[in-house]
PDB file of N, CA and C in Angstrom:
ATOM      1  N   UNK A   1     -32.354 131.030 -34.496  1.00  0.00           N
ATOM      2  CA  UNK A   1     -33.062 129.950 -35.151  1.00  0.00           C
ATOM      3  C   UNK A   1     -33.780 129.074 -34.134  1.00  0.00           C
ATOM      4  N   UNK A   2     -33.128 128.845 -32.994  1.00  0.00           N
ATOM      5  CA  UNK A   2     -33.737 127.995 -31.974  1.00  0.00           C
ATOM      6  C   UNK A   2     -35.019 128.634 -31.442  1.00  0.00           C
ATOM      7  N   UNK A   3     -34.982 129.944 -31.230  1.00  0.00           N
ATOM      8  CA  UNK A   3     -36.162 130.638 -30.716  1.00  0.00           C
ATOM      9  C   UNK A   3     -37.311 130.562 -31.721  1.00  0.00           C
ATOM     10  N   UNK A   4     -37.003 130.717 -33.003  1.00  0.00           N
ATOM     11  CA  UNK A   4     -38.048 130.644 -34.027  1.00  0.00           C
ATOM     12  C   UNK A   4     -38.654 129.242 -34.080  1.00  0.00           C
ATOM     13  N   UNK A   5     -37.824 128.227 -33.972  1.00  0.00           N
ATOM     14  CA  UNK A   5     -38.316 126.854 -33.989  1.00  0.00           C
ATOM     15  C   UNK A   5     -39.193 126.559 -32.775  1.00  0.00           C
ATOM     16  N   UNK A   6     -38.736 126.976 -31.598  1.00  0.00           N
ATOM     17  CA  UNK A   6     -39.520 126.739 -30.376  1.00  0.00           C
ATOM     18  C   UNK A   6     -40.828 127.501 -30.425  1.00  0.00           C
ATOM     19  N   UNK A   7     -40.813 128.755 -30.879  1.00  0.00           N
ATOM     20  CA  UNK A   7     -42.050 129.536 -30.970  1.00  0.00           C
ATOM     21  C   UNK A   7     -43.025 128.922 -31.971  1.00  0.00           C
ATOM     22  N   UNK A   8     -42.515 128.382 -33.059  1.00  0.00           N
ATOM     23  CA  UNK A   8     -43.377 127.723 -34.036  1.00  0.00           C
ATOM     24  C   UNK A   8     -44.044 126.501 -33.433  1.00  0.00           C
ATOM     25  N   UNK A   9     -43.278 125.691 -32.738  1.00  0.00           N
ATOM     26  CA  UNK A   9     -43.833 124.489 -32.105  1.00  0.00           C
ATOM     27  C   UNK A   9     -44.859 124.864 -31.042  1.00  0.00           C
ATOM     28  N   UNK A  10     -44.534 125.865 -30.221  1.00  0.00           N
ATOM     29  CA  UNK A  10     -45.480 126.290 -29.181  1.00  0.00           C
ATOM     30  C   UNK A  10     -46.758 126.860 -29.792  1.00  0.00           C
ATOM     31  N   UNK A  11     -46.628 127.614 -30.884  1.00  0.00           N
ATOM     32  CA  UNK A  11     -47.808 128.185 -31.529  1.00  0.00           C
ATOM     33  C   UNK A  11     -48.699 127.113 -32.148  1.00  0.00           C
ATOM     34  N   UNK A  12     -48.119 126.013 -32.578  1.00  0.00           N
ATOM     35  CA  UNK A  12     -48.905 124.943 -33.194  1.00  0.00           C
ATOM     36  C   UNK A  12     -49.504 123.980 -32.176  1.00  0.00           C
ATOM     37  N   UNK A  13     -48.884 123.827 -31.003  1.00  0.00           N
ATOM     38  CA  UNK A  13     -49.346 122.841 -30.020  1.00  0.00           C
ATOM     39  C   UNK A  13     -49.967 123.494 -28.788  1.00  0.00           C
ATOM     40  N   UNK A  14     -49.238 124.398 -28.151  1.00  0.00           N
ATOM     41  CA  UNK A  14     -49.677 124.951 -26.858  1.00  0.00           C
ATOM     42  C   UNK A  14     -50.755 126.016 -27.028  1.00  0.00           C
ATOM     43  N   UNK A  15     -50.602 126.890 -28.020  1.00  0.00           N
ATOM     44  CA  UNK A  15     -51.556 127.997 -28.182  1.00  0.00           C
ATOM     45  C   UNK A  15     -52.992 127.526 -28.385  1.00  0.00           C
ATOM     46  N   UNK A  16     -53.255 126.533 -29.248  1.00  0.00           N
ATOM     47  CA  UNK A  16     -54.650 126.088 -29.385  1.00  0.00           C
ATOM     48  C   UNK A  16     -55.226 125.516 -28.087  1.00  0.00           C
ATOM     49  N   UNK A  17     -54.392 124.827 -27.315  1.00  0.00           N
ATOM     50  CA  UNK A  17     -54.859 124.294 -26.038  1.00  0.00           C
ATOM     51  C   UNK A  17     -55.189 125.415 -25.060  1.00  0.00           C
ATOM     52  N   UNK A  18     -54.318 126.419 -24.998  1.00  0.00           N
ATOM     53  CA  UNK A  18     -54.581 127.557 -24.124  1.00  0.00           C
ATOM     54  C   UNK A  18     -55.823 128.330 -24.554  1.00  0.00           C
ATOM     55  N   UNK A  19     -55.999 128.489 -25.854  1.00  0.00           N
ATOM     56  CA  UNK A  19     -57.190 129.189 -26.344  1.00  0.00           C
ATOM     57  C   UNK A  19     -58.460 128.423 -25.999  1.00  0.00           C
ATOM     58  N   UNK A  20     -58.403 127.109 -26.068  1.00  0.00           N
ATOM     59  CA  UNK A  20     -59.568 126.301 -25.705  1.00  0.00           C
ATOM     60  C   UNK A  20     -59.859 126.392 -24.215  1.00  0.00           C
ATOM     61  N   UNK A  21     -58.817 126.348 -23.396  1.00  0.00           N
ATOM     62  CA  UNK A  21     -59.010 126.427 -21.947  1.00  0.00           C
ATOM     63  C   UNK A  21     -59.505 127.795 -21.492  1.00  0.00           C
ATOM     64  N   UNK A  22     -59.121 128.834 -22.201  1.00  0.00           N
ATOM     65  CA  UNK A  22     -59.507 130.194 -21.812  1.00  0.00           C
ATOM     66  C   UNK A  22     -60.673 130.722 -22.636  1.00  0.00           C
ATOM     67  N   UNK A  23     -61.395 129.839 -23.291  1.00  0.00           N
ATOM     68  CA  UNK A  23     -62.490 130.262 -24.164  1.00  0.00           C
ATOM     69  C   UNK A  23     -63.545 131.117 -23.446  1.00  0.00           C
ATOM     70  N   UNK A  24     -63.982 130.758 -22.227  1.00  0.00           N
ATOM     71  CA  UNK A  24     -64.983 131.625 -21.579  1.00  0.00           C
ATOM     72  C   UNK A  24     -64.476 133.052 -21.328  1.00  0.00           C
ATOM     73  N   UNK A  25     -63.228 133.176 -20.892  1.00  0.00           N
ATOM     74  CA  UNK A  25     -62.664 134.510 -20.649  1.00  0.00           C
ATOM     75  C   UNK A  25     -62.510 135.248 -21.976  1.00  0.00           C
ATOM     76  N   UNK A  26     -62.120 134.512 -23.002  1.00  0.00           N
ATOM     77  CA  UNK A  26     -61.945 135.117 -24.315  1.00  0.00           C
ATOM     78  C   UNK A  26     -63.274 135.637 -24.861  1.00  0.00           C
ATOM     79  N   UNK A  27     -64.344 134.914 -24.632  1.00  0.00           N
ATOM     80  CA  UNK A  27     -65.662 135.365 -25.081  1.00  0.00           C
ATOM     81  C   UNK A  27     -66.085 136.606 -24.308  1.00  0.00           C
ATOM     82  N   UNK A  28     -65.843 136.612 -22.994  1.00  0.00           N
ATOM     83  CA  UNK A  28     -66.214 137.769 -22.173  1.00  0.00           C
ATOM     84  C   UNK A  28     -65.451 139.037 -22.563  1.00  0.00           C
ATOM     85  N   UNK A  29     -64.207 138.876 -22.987  1.00  0.00           N
ATOM     86  CA  UNK A  29     -63.406 140.043 -23.356  1.00  0.00           C
ATOM     87  C   UNK A  29     -63.447 140.325 -24.854  1.00  0.00           C
ATOM     88  N   UNK A  30     -64.354 139.658 -25.552  1.00  0.00           N
ATOM     89  CA  UNK A  30     -64.538 139.841 -26.991  1.00  0.00           C
ATOM     90  C   UNK A  30     -63.253 139.567 -27.785  1.00  0.00           C
ATOM     91  N   UNK A  31     -62.505 138.577 -27.343  1.00  0.00           N
ATOM     92  CA  UNK A  31     -61.310 138.146 -28.058  1.00  0.00           C
ATOM     93  C   UNK A  31     -60.025 138.830 -27.650  1.00  0.00           C
ATOM     94  N   UNK A  32     -60.103 139.829 -26.790  1.00  0.00           N
ATOM     95  CA  UNK A  32     -58.889 140.552 -26.405  1.00  0.00           C
ATOM     96  C   UNK A  32     -57.957 139.711 -25.535  1.00  0.00           C
ATOM     97  N   UNK A  33     -58.499 138.695 -24.860  1.00  0.00           N
ATOM     98  CA  UNK A  33     -57.653 137.835 -24.030  1.00  0.00           C
ATOM     99  C   UNK A  33     -56.710 137.000 -24.887  1.00  0.00           C
ATOM    100  N   UNK A  34     -56.972 136.909 -26.166  1.00  0.00           N
ATOM    101  CA  UNK A  34     -56.079 136.189 -27.078  1.00  0.00           C
ATOM    102  C   UNK A  34     -54.688 136.803 -27.060  1.00  0.00           C
ATOM    103  N   UNK A  35     -54.593 138.125 -26.908  1.00  0.00           N
ATOM    104  CA  UNK A  35     -53.293 138.775 -26.827  1.00  0.00           C
ATOM    105  C   UNK A  35     -52.516 138.300 -25.608  1.00  0.00           C
ATOM    106  N   UNK A  36     -53.205 138.084 -24.502  1.00  0.00           N
ATOM    107  CA  UNK A  36     -52.553 137.571 -23.296  1.00  0.00           C
ATOM    108  C   UNK A  36     -52.062 136.149 -23.536  1.00  0.00           C
ATOM    109  N   UNK A  37     -52.863 135.322 -24.209  1.00  0.00           N
ATOM    110  CA  UNK A  37     -52.451 133.953 -24.518  1.00  0.00           C
ATOM    111  C   UNK A  37     -51.226 133.963 -25.421  1.00  0.00           C
ATOM    112  N   UNK A  38     -51.208 134.823 -26.429  1.00  0.00           N
ATOM    113  CA  UNK A  38     -50.040 134.944 -27.304  1.00  0.00           C
ATOM    114  C   UNK A  38     -48.812 135.377 -26.512  1.00  0.00           C
ATOM    115  N   UNK A  39     -49.001 136.294 -25.591  1.00  0.00           N
ATOM    116  CA  UNK A  39     -47.898 136.730 -24.737  1.00  0.00           C
ATOM    117  C   UNK A  39     -47.383 135.609 -23.849  1.00  0.00           C
ATOM    118  N   UNK A  40     -48.288 134.798 -23.321  1.00  0.00           N
ATOM    119  CA  UNK A  40     -47.868 133.656 -22.502  1.00  0.00           C
ATOM    120  C   UNK A  40     -47.056 132.651 -23.311  1.00  0.00           C
ATOM    121  N   UNK A  41     -47.464 132.405 -24.538  1.00  0.00           N
ATOM    122  CA  UNK A  41     -46.719 131.491 -25.406  1.00  0.00           C
ATOM    123  C   UNK A  41     -45.341 132.080 -25.707  1.00  0.00           C
ATOM    124  N   UNK A  42     -45.281 133.362 -25.967  1.00  0.00           N
ATOM    125  CA  UNK A  42     -44.010 134.040 -26.239  1.00  0.00           C
ATOM    126  C   UNK A  42     -43.104 133.962 -25.008  1.00  0.00           C
ATOM    127  N   UNK A  43     -43.684 134.183 -23.832  1.00  0.00           N
ATOM    128  CA  UNK A  43     -42.946 134.149 -22.569  1.00  0.00           C
ATOM    129  C   UNK A  43     -42.452 132.729 -22.285  1.00  0.00           C
ATOM    130  N   UNK A  44     -43.278 131.735 -22.557  1.00  0.00           N
ATOM    131  CA  UNK A  44     -42.873 130.343 -22.386  1.00  0.00           C
ATOM    132  C   UNK A  44     -41.710 130.008 -23.311  1.00  0.00           C
ATOM    133  N   UNK A  45     -41.753 130.522 -24.524  1.00  0.00           N
ATOM    134  CA  UNK A  45     -40.643 130.318 -25.460  1.00  0.00           C
ATOM    135  C   UNK A  45     -39.350 130.910 -24.935  1.00  0.00           C
ATOM    136  N   UNK A  46     -39.439 132.055 -24.285  1.00  0.00           N
ATOM    137  CA  UNK A  46     -38.228 132.663 -23.726  1.00  0.00           C
ATOM    138  C   UNK A  46     -37.691 131.855 -22.552  1.00  0.00           C
ATOM    139  N   UNK A  47     -38.557 131.152 -21.848  1.00  0.00           N
ATOM    140  CA  UNK A  47     -38.111 130.314 -20.741  1.00  0.00           C
ATOM    141  C   UNK A  47     -37.431 129.042 -21.241  1.00  0.00           C
ATOM    142  N   UNK A  48     -37.784 128.592 -22.427  1.00  0.00           N
ATOM    143  CA  UNK A  48     -37.238 127.346 -22.951  1.00  0.00           C
ATOM    144  C   UNK A  48     -35.955 127.517 -23.758  1.00  0.00           C
ATOM    145  N   UNK A  49     -35.731 128.704 -24.309  1.00  0.00           N
ATOM    146  CA  UNK A  49     -34.568 128.926 -25.176  1.00  0.00           C
ATOM    147  C   UNK A  49     -33.542 129.784 -24.443  1.00  0.00           C
ATOM    148  N   UNK A  50     -32.355 129.225 -24.217  1.00  0.00           N
ATOM    149  CA  UNK A  50     -31.315 130.044 -23.586  1.00  0.00           C
ATOM    150  C   UNK A  50     -30.864 131.167 -24.535  1.00  0.00           C
ATOM    151  N   UNK A  51     -30.668 132.353 -23.975  1.00  0.00           N
ATOM    152  CA  UNK A  51     -30.256 133.489 -24.785  1.00  0.00           C
ATOM    153  C   UNK A  51     -31.409 134.308 -25.332  1.00  0.00           C
ATOM    154  N   UNK A  52     -32.621 133.814 -25.205  1.00  0.00           N
ATOM    155  CA  UNK A  52     -33.832 134.529 -25.644  1.00  0.00           C
ATOM    156  C   UNK A  52     -34.567 134.934 -24.377  1.00  0.00           C
ATOM    157  N   UNK A  53     -34.544 136.226 -24.043  1.00  0.00           N
ATOM    158  CA  UNK A  53     -35.048 136.687 -22.761  1.00  0.00           C
ATOM    159  C   UNK A  53     -36.159 137.709 -22.949  1.00  0.00           C
ATOM    160  N   UNK A  54     -37.229 137.526 -22.183  1.00  0.00           N
ATOM    161  CA  UNK A  54     -38.326 138.487 -22.133  1.00  0.00           C
ATOM    162  C   UNK A  54     -38.476 138.886 -20.668  1.00  0.00           C
ATOM    163  N   UNK A  55     -38.525 140.185 -20.393  1.00  0.00           N
ATOM    164  CA  UNK A  55     -38.492 140.670 -19.017  1.00  0.00           C
ATOM    165  C   UNK A  55     -39.814 140.590 -18.267  1.00  0.00           C
ATOM    166  N   UNK A  56     -40.905 140.376 -18.934  1.00  0.00           N
ATOM    167  CA  UNK A  56     -42.181 140.287 -18.241  1.00  0.00           C
ATOM    168  C   UNK A  56     -43.315 140.002 -19.205  1.00  0.00           C
ATOM    169  N   UNK A  57     -44.500 139.804 -18.641  1.00  0.00           N
ATOM    170  CA  UNK A  57     -45.653 139.468 -19.469  1.00  0.00           C
ATOM    171  C   UNK A  57     -46.025 140.617 -20.408  1.00  0.00           C
ATOM    172  N   UNK A  58     -45.891 141.835 -19.949  1.00  0.00           N
ATOM    173  CA  UNK A  58     -46.205 142.991 -20.805  1.00  0.00           C
ATOM    174  C   UNK A  58     -45.316 143.035 -22.043  1.00  0.00           C
ATOM    175  N   UNK A  59     -44.025 142.800 -21.842  1.00  0.00           N
ATOM    176  CA  UNK A  59     -43.102 142.772 -22.979  1.00  0.00           C
ATOM    177  C   UNK A  59     -43.350 141.556 -23.849  1.00  0.00           C
ATOM    178  N   UNK A  60     -43.774 140.458 -23.238  1.00  0.00           N
ATOM    179  CA  UNK A  60     -44.093 139.262 -24.028  1.00  0.00           C
ATOM    180  C   UNK A  60     -45.294 139.527 -24.933  1.00  0.00           C
ATOM    181  N   UNK A  61     -46.308 140.211 -24.401  1.00  0.00           N
ATOM    182  CA  UNK A  61     -47.482 140.551 -25.209  1.00  0.00           C
ATOM    183  C   UNK A  61     -47.080 141.505 -26.330  1.00  0.00           C
ATOM    184  N   UNK A  62     -46.242 142.500 -26.007  1.00  0.00           N
ATOM    185  CA  UNK A  62     -45.781 143.438 -27.034  1.00  0.00           C
ATOM    186  C   UNK A  62     -44.973 142.707 -28.104  1.00  0.00           C
ATOM    187  N   UNK A  63     -44.105 141.808 -27.696  1.00  0.00           N
ATOM    188  CA  UNK A  63     -43.310 141.045 -28.654  1.00  0.00           C
ATOM    189  C   UNK A  63     -44.172 140.161 -29.536  1.00  0.00           C
ATOM    190  N   UNK A  64     -45.192 139.544 -28.950  1.00  0.00           N
ATOM    191  CA  UNK A  64     -46.099 138.702 -29.731  1.00  0.00           C
ATOM    192  C   UNK A  64     -46.880 139.549 -30.738  1.00  0.00           C
ATOM    193  N   UNK A  65     -47.285 140.741 -30.340  1.00  0.00           N
ATOM    194  CA  UNK A  65     -47.995 141.634 -31.264  1.00  0.00           C
ATOM    195  C   UNK A  65     -47.102 142.059 -32.425  1.00  0.00           C
ATOM    196  N   UNK A  66     -45.863 142.428 -32.129  1.00  0.00           N
ATOM    197  CA  UNK A  66     -44.933 142.833 -33.183  1.00  0.00           C
ATOM    198  C   UNK A  66     -44.660 141.659 -34.118  1.00  0.00           C
ATOM    199  N   UNK A  67     -44.455 140.474 -33.538  1.00  0.00           N
ATOM    200  CA  UNK A  67     -44.209 139.297 -34.362  1.00  0.00           C
ATOM    201  C   UNK A  67     -45.422 138.995 -35.250  1.00  0.00           C
ATOM    202  N   UNK A  68     -46.618 139.154 -34.724  1.00  0.00           N
ATOM    203  CA  UNK A  68     -47.823 138.929 -35.508  1.00  0.00           C
ATOM    204  C   UNK A  68     -47.976 139.934 -36.636  1.00  0.00           C
ATOM    205  N   UNK A  69     -47.669 141.202 -36.359  1.00  0.00           N
ATOM    206  CA  UNK A  69     -47.740 142.224 -37.396  1.00  0.00           C
ATOM    207  C   UNK A  69     -46.728 141.959 -38.513  1.00  0.00           C
ATOM    208  N   UNK A  70     -45.515 141.594 -38.129  1.00  0.00           N
ATOM    209  CA  UNK A  70     -44.489 141.295 -39.141  1.00  0.00           C
ATOM    210  C   UNK A  70     -44.905 140.092 -39.970  1.00  0.00           C
ATOM    211  N   UNK A  71     -45.425 139.042 -39.333  1.00  0.00           N
ATOM    212  CA  UNK A  71     -45.893 137.859 -40.069  1.00  0.00           C
ATOM    213  C   UNK A  71     -47.006 138.218 -41.039  1.00  0.00           C
ATOM    214  N   UNK A  72     -47.908 139.100 -40.611  1.00  0.00           N
ATOM    215  CA  UNK A  72     -49.004 139.513 -41.482  1.00  0.00           C
ATOM    216  C   UNK A  72     -48.522 140.284 -42.692  1.00  0.00           C
ATOM    217  N   UNK A  73     -47.597 141.194 -42.488  1.00  0.00           N
ATOM    218  CA  UNK A  73     -47.058 141.997 -43.592  1.00  0.00           C
ATOM    219  C   UNK A  73     -46.292 141.101 -44.574  1.00  0.00           C
ATOM    220  N   UNK A  74     -45.446 140.228 -44.041  1.00  0.00           N
ATOM    221  CA  UNK A  74     -44.675 139.326 -44.906  1.00  0.00           C
ATOM    222  C   UNK A  74     -45.626 138.404 -45.672  1.00  0.00           C
ATOM    223  N   UNK A  75     -46.676 137.941 -45.008  1.00  0.00           N
ATOM    224  CA  UNK A  75     -47.655 137.085 -45.692  1.00  0.00           C
ATOM    225  C   UNK A  75     -48.369 137.796 -46.816  1.00  0.00           C
ATOM    226  N   UNK A  76     -48.703 139.084 -46.617  1.00  0.00           N
ATOM    227  CA  UNK A  76     -49.358 139.844 -47.679  1.00  0.00           C
ATOM    228  C   UNK A  76     -48.414 140.146 -48.835  1.00  0.00           C
ATOM    229  N   UNK A  77     -47.159 140.444 -48.514  1.00  0.00           N
ATOM    230  CA  UNK A  77     -46.191 140.780 -49.558  1.00  0.00           C
ATOM    231  C   UNK A  77     -45.899 139.571 -50.428  1.00  0.00           C
ATOM    232  N   UNK A  78     -45.722 138.420 -49.803  1.00  0.00           N
ATOM    233  CA  UNK A  78     -45.359 137.210 -50.547  1.00  0.00           C
ATOM    234  C   UNK A  78     -46.552 136.333 -50.856  1.00  0.00           C
ATOM    235  N   UNK A  79     -47.768 136.801 -50.568  1.00  0.00           N
ATOM    236  CA  UNK A  79     -49.017 136.084 -50.859  1.00  0.00           C
ATOM    237  C   UNK A  79     -48.997 134.664 -50.281  1.00  0.00           C
ATOM    238  N   UNK A  80     -48.601 134.542 -49.002  1.00  0.00           N
ATOM    239  CA  UNK A  80     -48.563 133.230 -48.346  1.00  0.00           C
ATOM    240  C   UNK A  80     -49.890 132.859 -47.763  1.00  0.00           C
TER     241      UNK A  80
END
């Protein structure tokens, strides 16, 4: 529960700031750098929550992608 709460807070506060700061790189990569930003937020969440561990940026990006896919599916199923 703590990890979900921290990730929610980071996604609402830190992610928009990071996306704004990395906007030129994001435009150059046609939006693909957004995955790196999501991974950084996921990795930061693992640093803040004890017991929630991510071994590297690659796994953080993979975890953020899986979390995004699950959120999308749940949103479509429950019409959120």
